[in-house]
Amino acid sequence: LNAGAHGVVGSLWLVDDSLAQPLMLDFHRAYSKDPDPAGALRHAQLQAIRSGAPLAVWAGFRYMGR
């Protein structure tokens, strides 16, 4: 953010890349349709919940931005 990015999506804990991949793909698909990053992350997390992904995979991701 200090370097000028409008926002950042990150995790509060380590998540295996292969387990986080579906969440991040859903996030990017949603973000490409609607440029609201917080909403896109919420959409991706809801998709993960519906798919039965473990809580540890999706719950730690947060959006920080302006």
C-alpha atoms as a PDB file:
ATOM      1  CA  LEU A   1       0.000   0.000   0.000  1.00  0.00           C
ATOM      2  CA  ASN A   2       2.870   2.365   0.738  1.00  0.00           C
ATOM      3  CA  ALA A   3       4.171   1.769  -2.779  1.00  0.00           C
ATOM      4  CA  GLY A   4       0.887   2.958  -4.290  1.00  0.00           C
ATOM      5  CA  ALA A   5      -1.228  -0.177  -4.642  1.00  0.00           C
ATOM      6  CA  HIS A   6      -4.916   0.463  -4.038  1.00  0.00           C
ATOM      7  CA  GLY A   7      -5.331  -2.773  -2.119  1.00  0.00           C
ATOM      8  CA  VAL A   8      -3.887  -6.114  -1.136  1.00  0.00           C
ATOM      9  CA  VAL A   9      -5.387  -9.561  -0.601  1.00  0.00           C
ATOM     10  CA  GLY A  10      -3.429 -11.622   1.892  1.00  0.00           C
ATOM     11  CA  SER A  11      -3.759 -14.425   4.386  1.00  0.00           C
ATOM     12  CA  LEU A  12      -3.402 -14.226   8.148  1.00  0.00           C
ATOM     13  CA  TRP A  13      -1.687 -17.635   8.168  1.00  0.00           C
ATOM     14  CA  LEU A  14       0.163 -19.961   5.806  1.00  0.00           C
ATOM     15  CA  VAL A  15      -2.112 -21.780   3.371  1.00  0.00           C
ATOM     16  CA  ASP A  16      -0.920 -24.500   1.005  1.00  0.00           C
ATOM     17  CA  ASP A  17      -0.824 -23.063  -2.519  1.00  0.00           C
ATOM     18  CA  SER A  18      -2.653 -26.001  -4.065  1.00  0.00           C
ATOM     19  CA  LEU A  19      -5.488 -25.654  -1.540  1.00  0.00           C
ATOM     20  CA  ALA A  20      -5.733 -21.873  -1.987  1.00  0.00           C
ATOM     21  CA  GLN A  21      -5.678 -22.034  -5.789  1.00  0.00           C
ATOM     22  CA  PRO A  22      -9.466 -22.525  -6.271  1.00  0.00           C
ATOM     23  CA  LEU A  23     -10.171 -19.608  -3.922  1.00  0.00           C
ATOM     24  CA  MET A  24      -7.782 -17.305  -5.764  1.00  0.00           C
ATOM     25  CA  LEU A  25      -9.109 -18.364  -9.177  1.00  0.00           C
ATOM     26  CA  ASP A  26     -12.668 -17.624  -8.027  1.00  0.00           C
ATOM     27  CA  PHE A  27     -11.477 -14.290  -6.630  1.00  0.00           C
ATOM     28  CA  HIS A  28      -9.878 -13.274  -9.935  1.00  0.00           C
ATOM     29  CA  ARG A  29     -12.906 -14.375 -11.954  1.00  0.00           C
ATOM     30  CA  ALA A  30     -15.226 -12.342  -9.733  1.00  0.00           C
ATOM     31  CA  TYR A  31     -12.873  -9.349  -9.746  1.00  0.00           C
ATOM     32  CA  SER A  32     -12.692  -9.368 -13.546  1.00  0.00           C
ATOM     33  CA  LYS A  33     -16.492  -8.997 -13.682  1.00  0.00           C
ATOM     34  CA  ASP A  34     -16.861  -6.456 -10.867  1.00  0.00           C
ATOM     35  CA  PRO A  35     -13.875  -4.345  -9.798  1.00  0.00           C
ATOM     36  CA  ASP A  36     -14.818  -4.407  -6.107  1.00  0.00           C
ATOM     37  CA  PRO A  37     -11.978  -6.408  -4.547  1.00  0.00           C
ATOM     38  CA  ALA A  38     -13.637  -6.872  -1.163  1.00  0.00           C
ATOM     39  CA  GLY A  39     -16.819  -8.090  -2.849  1.00  0.00           C
ATOM     40  CA  ALA A  40     -14.850 -10.396  -5.131  1.00  0.00           C
ATOM     41  CA  LEU A  41     -13.063 -11.925  -2.148  1.00  0.00           C
ATOM     42  CA  ARG A  42     -16.380 -12.378  -0.335  1.00  0.00           C
ATOM     43  CA  HIS A  43     -17.810 -14.085  -3.408  1.00  0.00           C
ATOM     44  CA  ALA A  44     -14.805 -16.425  -3.606  1.00  0.00           C
ATOM     45  CA  GLN A  45     -15.025 -17.249   0.099  1.00  0.00           C
ATOM     46  CA  LEU A  46     -18.725 -18.057  -0.201  1.00  0.00           C
ATOM     47  CA  GLN A  47     -17.918 -20.339  -3.148  1.00  0.00           C
ATOM     48  CA  ALA A  48     -15.303 -22.075  -0.997  1.00  0.00           C
ATOM     49  CA  ILE A  49     -17.818 -22.564   1.815  1.00  0.00           C
ATOM     50  CA  ARG A  50     -20.364 -24.042  -0.606  1.00  0.00           C
ATOM     51  CA  SER A  51     -17.738 -26.375  -2.063  1.00  0.00           C
ATOM     52  CA  GLY A  52     -16.850 -27.721   1.368  1.00  0.00           C
ATOM     53  CA  ALA A  53     -13.333 -26.287   1.465  1.00  0.00           C
ATOM     54  CA  PRO A  54     -11.790 -26.458   4.935  1.00  0.00           C
ATOM     55  CA  LEU A  55     -12.132 -23.333   7.047  1.00  0.00           C
ATOM     56  CA  ALA A  56      -8.342 -22.945   7.211  1.00  0.00           C
ATOM     57  CA  VAL A  57      -8.197 -22.550   3.422  1.00  0.00           C
ATOM     58  CA  TRP A  58     -10.501 -19.556   3.007  1.00  0.00           C
ATOM     59  CA  ALA A  59     -11.150 -17.918   6.395  1.00  0.00           C
ATOM     60  CA  GLY A  60      -7.782 -16.232   6.810  1.00  0.00           C
ATOM     61  CA  PHE A  61      -7.876 -14.213   3.597  1.00  0.00           C
ATOM     62  CA  ARG A  62      -8.525 -10.494   3.983  1.00  0.00           C
ATOM     63  CA  TYR A  63      -8.640  -7.471   1.728  1.00  0.00           C
ATOM     64  CA  MET A  64      -6.930  -4.290   2.882  1.00  0.00           C
ATOM     65  CA  GLY A  65      -7.206  -1.180   0.796  1.00  0.00           C
ATOM     66  CA  ARG A  66      -8.598   2.200   0.087  1.00  0.00           C
END
